[in-house]
Amino acid sequence: MSMSMSITPRERTKAMAAGTGLAVVGMSAYYLPVNENRFVRAAFNVVEDEARDTVELLNDSALAISKDKLKPDQKLFLSQLGVAEDITAINAKIADLKNSVTDKNLVKTLKQGFADSFKDCKNSEILRDSTAVKAFKRIRWTNFAWGAGIGFVLGNVLSKLSNSSNPPSQL
C-alpha cells in the first residue's frame, strides 16, 4: 500500500486560508465570559509576579548597598516602598513580600478579597484596581491566543480533509 502525500501549492494555500479564517473566528474567544475562579487565580498570579519582581529589585538594591554603589533610581525605589537604605531593612521587606504570597492564611485572605470583589470588577471597569485590570487582561489575551491557535489548527485540518479527493485505498 503506497500513498502519495505530496501537497500542491494550491492545497497549501487553501489550508493556510482556512486556518487563518478559523483563527480569526477563534480570536473571538477574547470575549468569552470570565468566571470567578479563573479571575481569582489570575489576580493572585499578578500579585505573585509583582512580589517576585519587587524581591528581585530589592535584592539588586541590597547588592548595590553592600558594594556601596546605590544608584539614584534604586534610592527612589526604596523610598517608594518605605524601606531604609539598609540591608537589614531590605531583608525584612523581602521576607514580608515572600510571606505575603506563601503564608496559607494570608493567601486565603487575599484570594477571598479577590472573590468578594469579582462581581463588582466584572460589571464595572471603573471599579477595577490595577491588579484586577491586569488579571482580566491576562485572561482575555490567553483566551485570544488559545482561540486563534485552535482555530488555525482546526482550519488547516478541515481544509486538508476536504481537499483529499482520493480516499485511502484499503487492501
Protein backbone atom coordinates (compact mmCIF):
# COMPACT_ATOMS: atom_id res chain seq x y z
CA MET A 1 0.00 0.00 0.00
CA SER A 2 1.56 3.23 -1.09
CA MET A 3 0.06 6.65 -0.74
CA SER A 4 1.35 9.83 -2.23
CA MET A 5 1.41 12.54 0.41
CA SER A 6 2.53 15.43 -1.78
CA ILE A 7 0.72 18.67 -1.19
CA THR A 8 0.40 21.07 -4.06
CA PRO A 9 0.97 24.78 -3.57
CA ARG A 10 -2.73 25.38 -4.21
CA GLU A 11 -3.76 22.93 -1.47
CA ARG A 12 -1.25 24.53 0.89
CA THR A 13 -2.69 27.97 0.13
CA LYS A 14 -6.24 26.72 0.75
CA ALA A 15 -5.17 25.13 4.02
CA MET A 16 -3.48 28.35 5.14
CA ALA A 17 -6.52 30.42 4.16
CA ALA A 18 -8.90 28.10 6.00
CA GLY A 19 -6.59 28.07 9.01
CA THR A 20 -6.35 31.84 9.01
CA GLY A 21 -10.12 32.17 8.63
CA LEU A 22 -10.86 29.93 11.58
CA ALA A 23 -8.06 31.59 13.56
CA VAL A 24 -9.84 34.91 13.12
CA VAL A 25 -13.08 33.28 14.27
CA GLY A 26 -11.22 31.74 17.21
CA MET A 27 -9.93 35.15 18.23
CA SER A 28 -13.44 35.97 19.34
CA ALA A 29 -12.67 33.81 22.39
CA TYR A 30 -11.25 37.08 23.76
CA TYR A 31 -14.83 38.00 24.61
CA LEU A 32 -15.71 34.81 26.48
CA PRO A 33 -17.07 35.48 29.95
CA VAL A 34 -14.64 35.31 32.85
CA ASN A 35 -15.60 33.14 35.81
CA GLU A 36 -14.77 33.88 39.42
CA ASN A 37 -12.29 31.03 39.98
CA ARG A 38 -10.26 31.97 36.95
CA PHE A 39 -10.25 35.62 37.97
CA VAL A 40 -9.09 34.81 41.50
CA ARG A 41 -6.31 32.59 40.14
CA ALA A 42 -5.19 35.22 37.60
CA ALA A 43 -5.32 38.04 40.16
CA PHE A 44 -3.24 36.03 42.63
CA ASN A 45 -0.73 35.27 39.86
CA VAL A 46 -0.47 39.01 39.19
CA VAL A 47 0.23 39.69 42.87
CA GLU A 48 2.74 36.84 42.98
CA ASP A 49 4.57 38.12 39.88
CA GLU A 50 4.69 41.66 41.25
CA ALA A 51 6.07 40.36 44.56
CA ARG A 52 8.71 38.34 42.71
CA ASP A 53 9.72 41.39 40.66
CA THR A 54 9.91 43.57 43.77
CA VAL A 55 12.03 40.98 45.58
CA GLU A 56 14.39 40.90 42.61
CA LEU A 57 14.75 44.71 42.65
CA LEU A 58 15.24 44.66 46.42
CA ASN A 59 17.98 42.05 46.04
CA ASP A 60 19.69 44.25 43.44
CA SER A 61 19.44 47.21 45.80
CA ALA A 62 20.88 45.18 48.69
CA LEU A 63 23.75 44.08 46.48
CA ALA A 64 24.38 47.71 45.47
CA ILE A 65 24.36 48.78 49.14
CA SER A 66 26.85 46.06 50.02
CA LYS A 67 29.17 47.42 47.31
CA ASP A 68 28.38 51.00 48.37
CA LYS A 69 27.17 51.81 44.84
CA LEU A 70 23.46 52.53 45.32
CA LYS A 71 22.05 54.27 42.23
CA PRO A 72 19.55 57.13 42.39
CA ASP A 73 16.77 55.01 40.85
CA GLN A 74 17.36 52.35 43.50
CA LYS A 75 17.20 55.02 46.22
CA LEU A 76 13.91 56.22 44.78
CA PHE A 77 12.58 52.66 44.62
CA LEU A 78 13.48 52.02 48.26
CA SER A 79 11.92 55.29 49.38
CA GLN A 80 8.70 54.50 47.48
CA LEU A 81 8.49 51.20 49.35
CA GLY A 82 9.29 52.93 52.63
CA VAL A 83 12.40 50.84 53.14
CA ALA A 84 15.54 52.29 54.68
CA GLU A 85 18.77 52.09 52.72
CA ASP A 86 19.94 49.29 54.96
CA ILE A 87 20.48 45.62 54.18
CA THR A 88 18.62 44.54 57.33
CA ALA A 89 15.55 46.61 56.39
CA ILE A 90 15.68 45.29 52.83
CA ASN A 91 15.90 41.68 54.03
CA ALA A 92 12.92 42.27 56.32
CA LYS A 93 10.90 43.66 53.40
CA ILE A 94 11.89 40.68 51.22
CA ALA A 95 10.77 38.28 53.96
CA ASP A 96 7.43 40.15 54.25
CA LEU A 97 6.86 40.01 50.49
CA LYS A 98 7.68 36.32 50.28
CA ASN A 99 5.45 35.63 53.27
CA SER A 100 2.56 37.54 51.68
CA VAL A 101 2.38 35.07 48.78
CA THR A 102 3.32 31.88 50.61
CA ASP A 103 1.60 32.09 54.02
CA LYS A 104 -1.51 29.93 53.87
CA ASN A 105 -3.72 32.31 55.86
CA LEU A 106 -2.58 35.45 54.05
CA VAL A 107 -3.08 33.82 50.66
CA LYS A 108 -6.53 32.63 51.67
CA THR A 109 -7.49 36.13 52.80
CA LEU A 110 -6.10 37.68 49.61
CA LYS A 111 -7.96 35.23 47.39
CA GLN A 112 -11.17 35.76 49.37
CA GLY A 113 -10.78 39.50 48.80
CA PHE A 114 -10.48 38.91 45.06
CA ALA A 115 -13.52 36.63 45.12
CA ASP A 116 -15.54 39.23 47.05
CA SER A 117 -14.66 42.00 44.59
CA PHE A 118 -15.15 39.85 41.46
CA LYS A 119 -18.79 40.71 40.85
CA ASP A 120 -18.12 44.46 41.05
CA CYS A 121 -14.97 44.18 38.90
CA LYS A 122 -16.77 42.10 36.31
CA ASN A 123 -19.68 44.50 35.99
CA SER A 124 -17.79 47.79 36.05
CA GLU A 125 -14.35 48.55 34.68
CA ILE A 126 -14.30 51.72 36.78
CA LEU A 127 -14.27 49.68 39.99
CA ARG A 128 -11.22 47.63 38.99
CA ASP A 129 -7.93 48.23 40.71
CA SER A 130 -4.64 47.68 38.89
CA THR A 131 -4.49 44.02 39.92
CA ALA A 132 -7.99 43.33 38.63
CA VAL A 133 -7.24 45.12 35.35
CA LYS A 134 -4.11 43.03 34.84
CA ALA A 135 -5.96 39.81 35.75
CA PHE A 136 -8.77 40.47 33.25
CA LYS A 137 -6.24 41.43 30.59
CA ARG A 138 -4.27 38.21 31.10
CA ILE A 139 -7.39 36.08 30.95
CA ARG A 140 -8.70 37.74 27.81
CA TRP A 141 -5.38 37.59 25.96
CA THR A 142 -4.94 33.95 26.93
CA ASN A 143 -8.41 33.26 25.52
CA PHE A 144 -7.46 35.19 22.39
CA ALA A 145 -4.23 33.24 21.84
CA TRP A 146 -5.79 29.84 22.51
CA GLY A 147 -8.78 30.64 20.31
CA ALA A 148 -6.58 31.76 17.45
CA GLY A 149 -4.28 28.75 17.77
CA ILE A 150 -7.04 26.19 17.98
CA GLY A 151 -8.95 27.87 15.15
CA PHE A 152 -5.87 27.84 12.94
CA VAL A 153 -5.16 24.17 13.56
CA LEU A 154 -8.78 23.17 13.01
CA GLY A 155 -8.94 25.23 9.82
CA ASN A 156 -5.83 23.53 8.45
CA VAL A 157 -7.05 20.06 9.38
CA LEU A 158 -10.55 20.58 7.99
CA SER A 159 -9.12 22.07 4.81
CA LYS A 160 -6.82 19.11 4.28
CA LEU A 161 -9.64 16.69 4.94
CA SER A 162 -11.90 18.42 2.43
CA ASN A 163 -9.06 18.60 -0.13
CA SER A 164 -8.34 14.90 -0.04
CA SER A 165 -10.33 13.83 -3.06
CA ASN A 166 -8.73 10.37 -3.12
CA PRO A 167 -9.72 8.42 -0.04
CA PRO A 168 -7.06 5.99 1.15
CA SER A 169 -7.36 2.63 -0.53
CA GLN A 170 -7.66 -0.44 1.60
CA LEU A 171 -6.16 -3.75 0.64
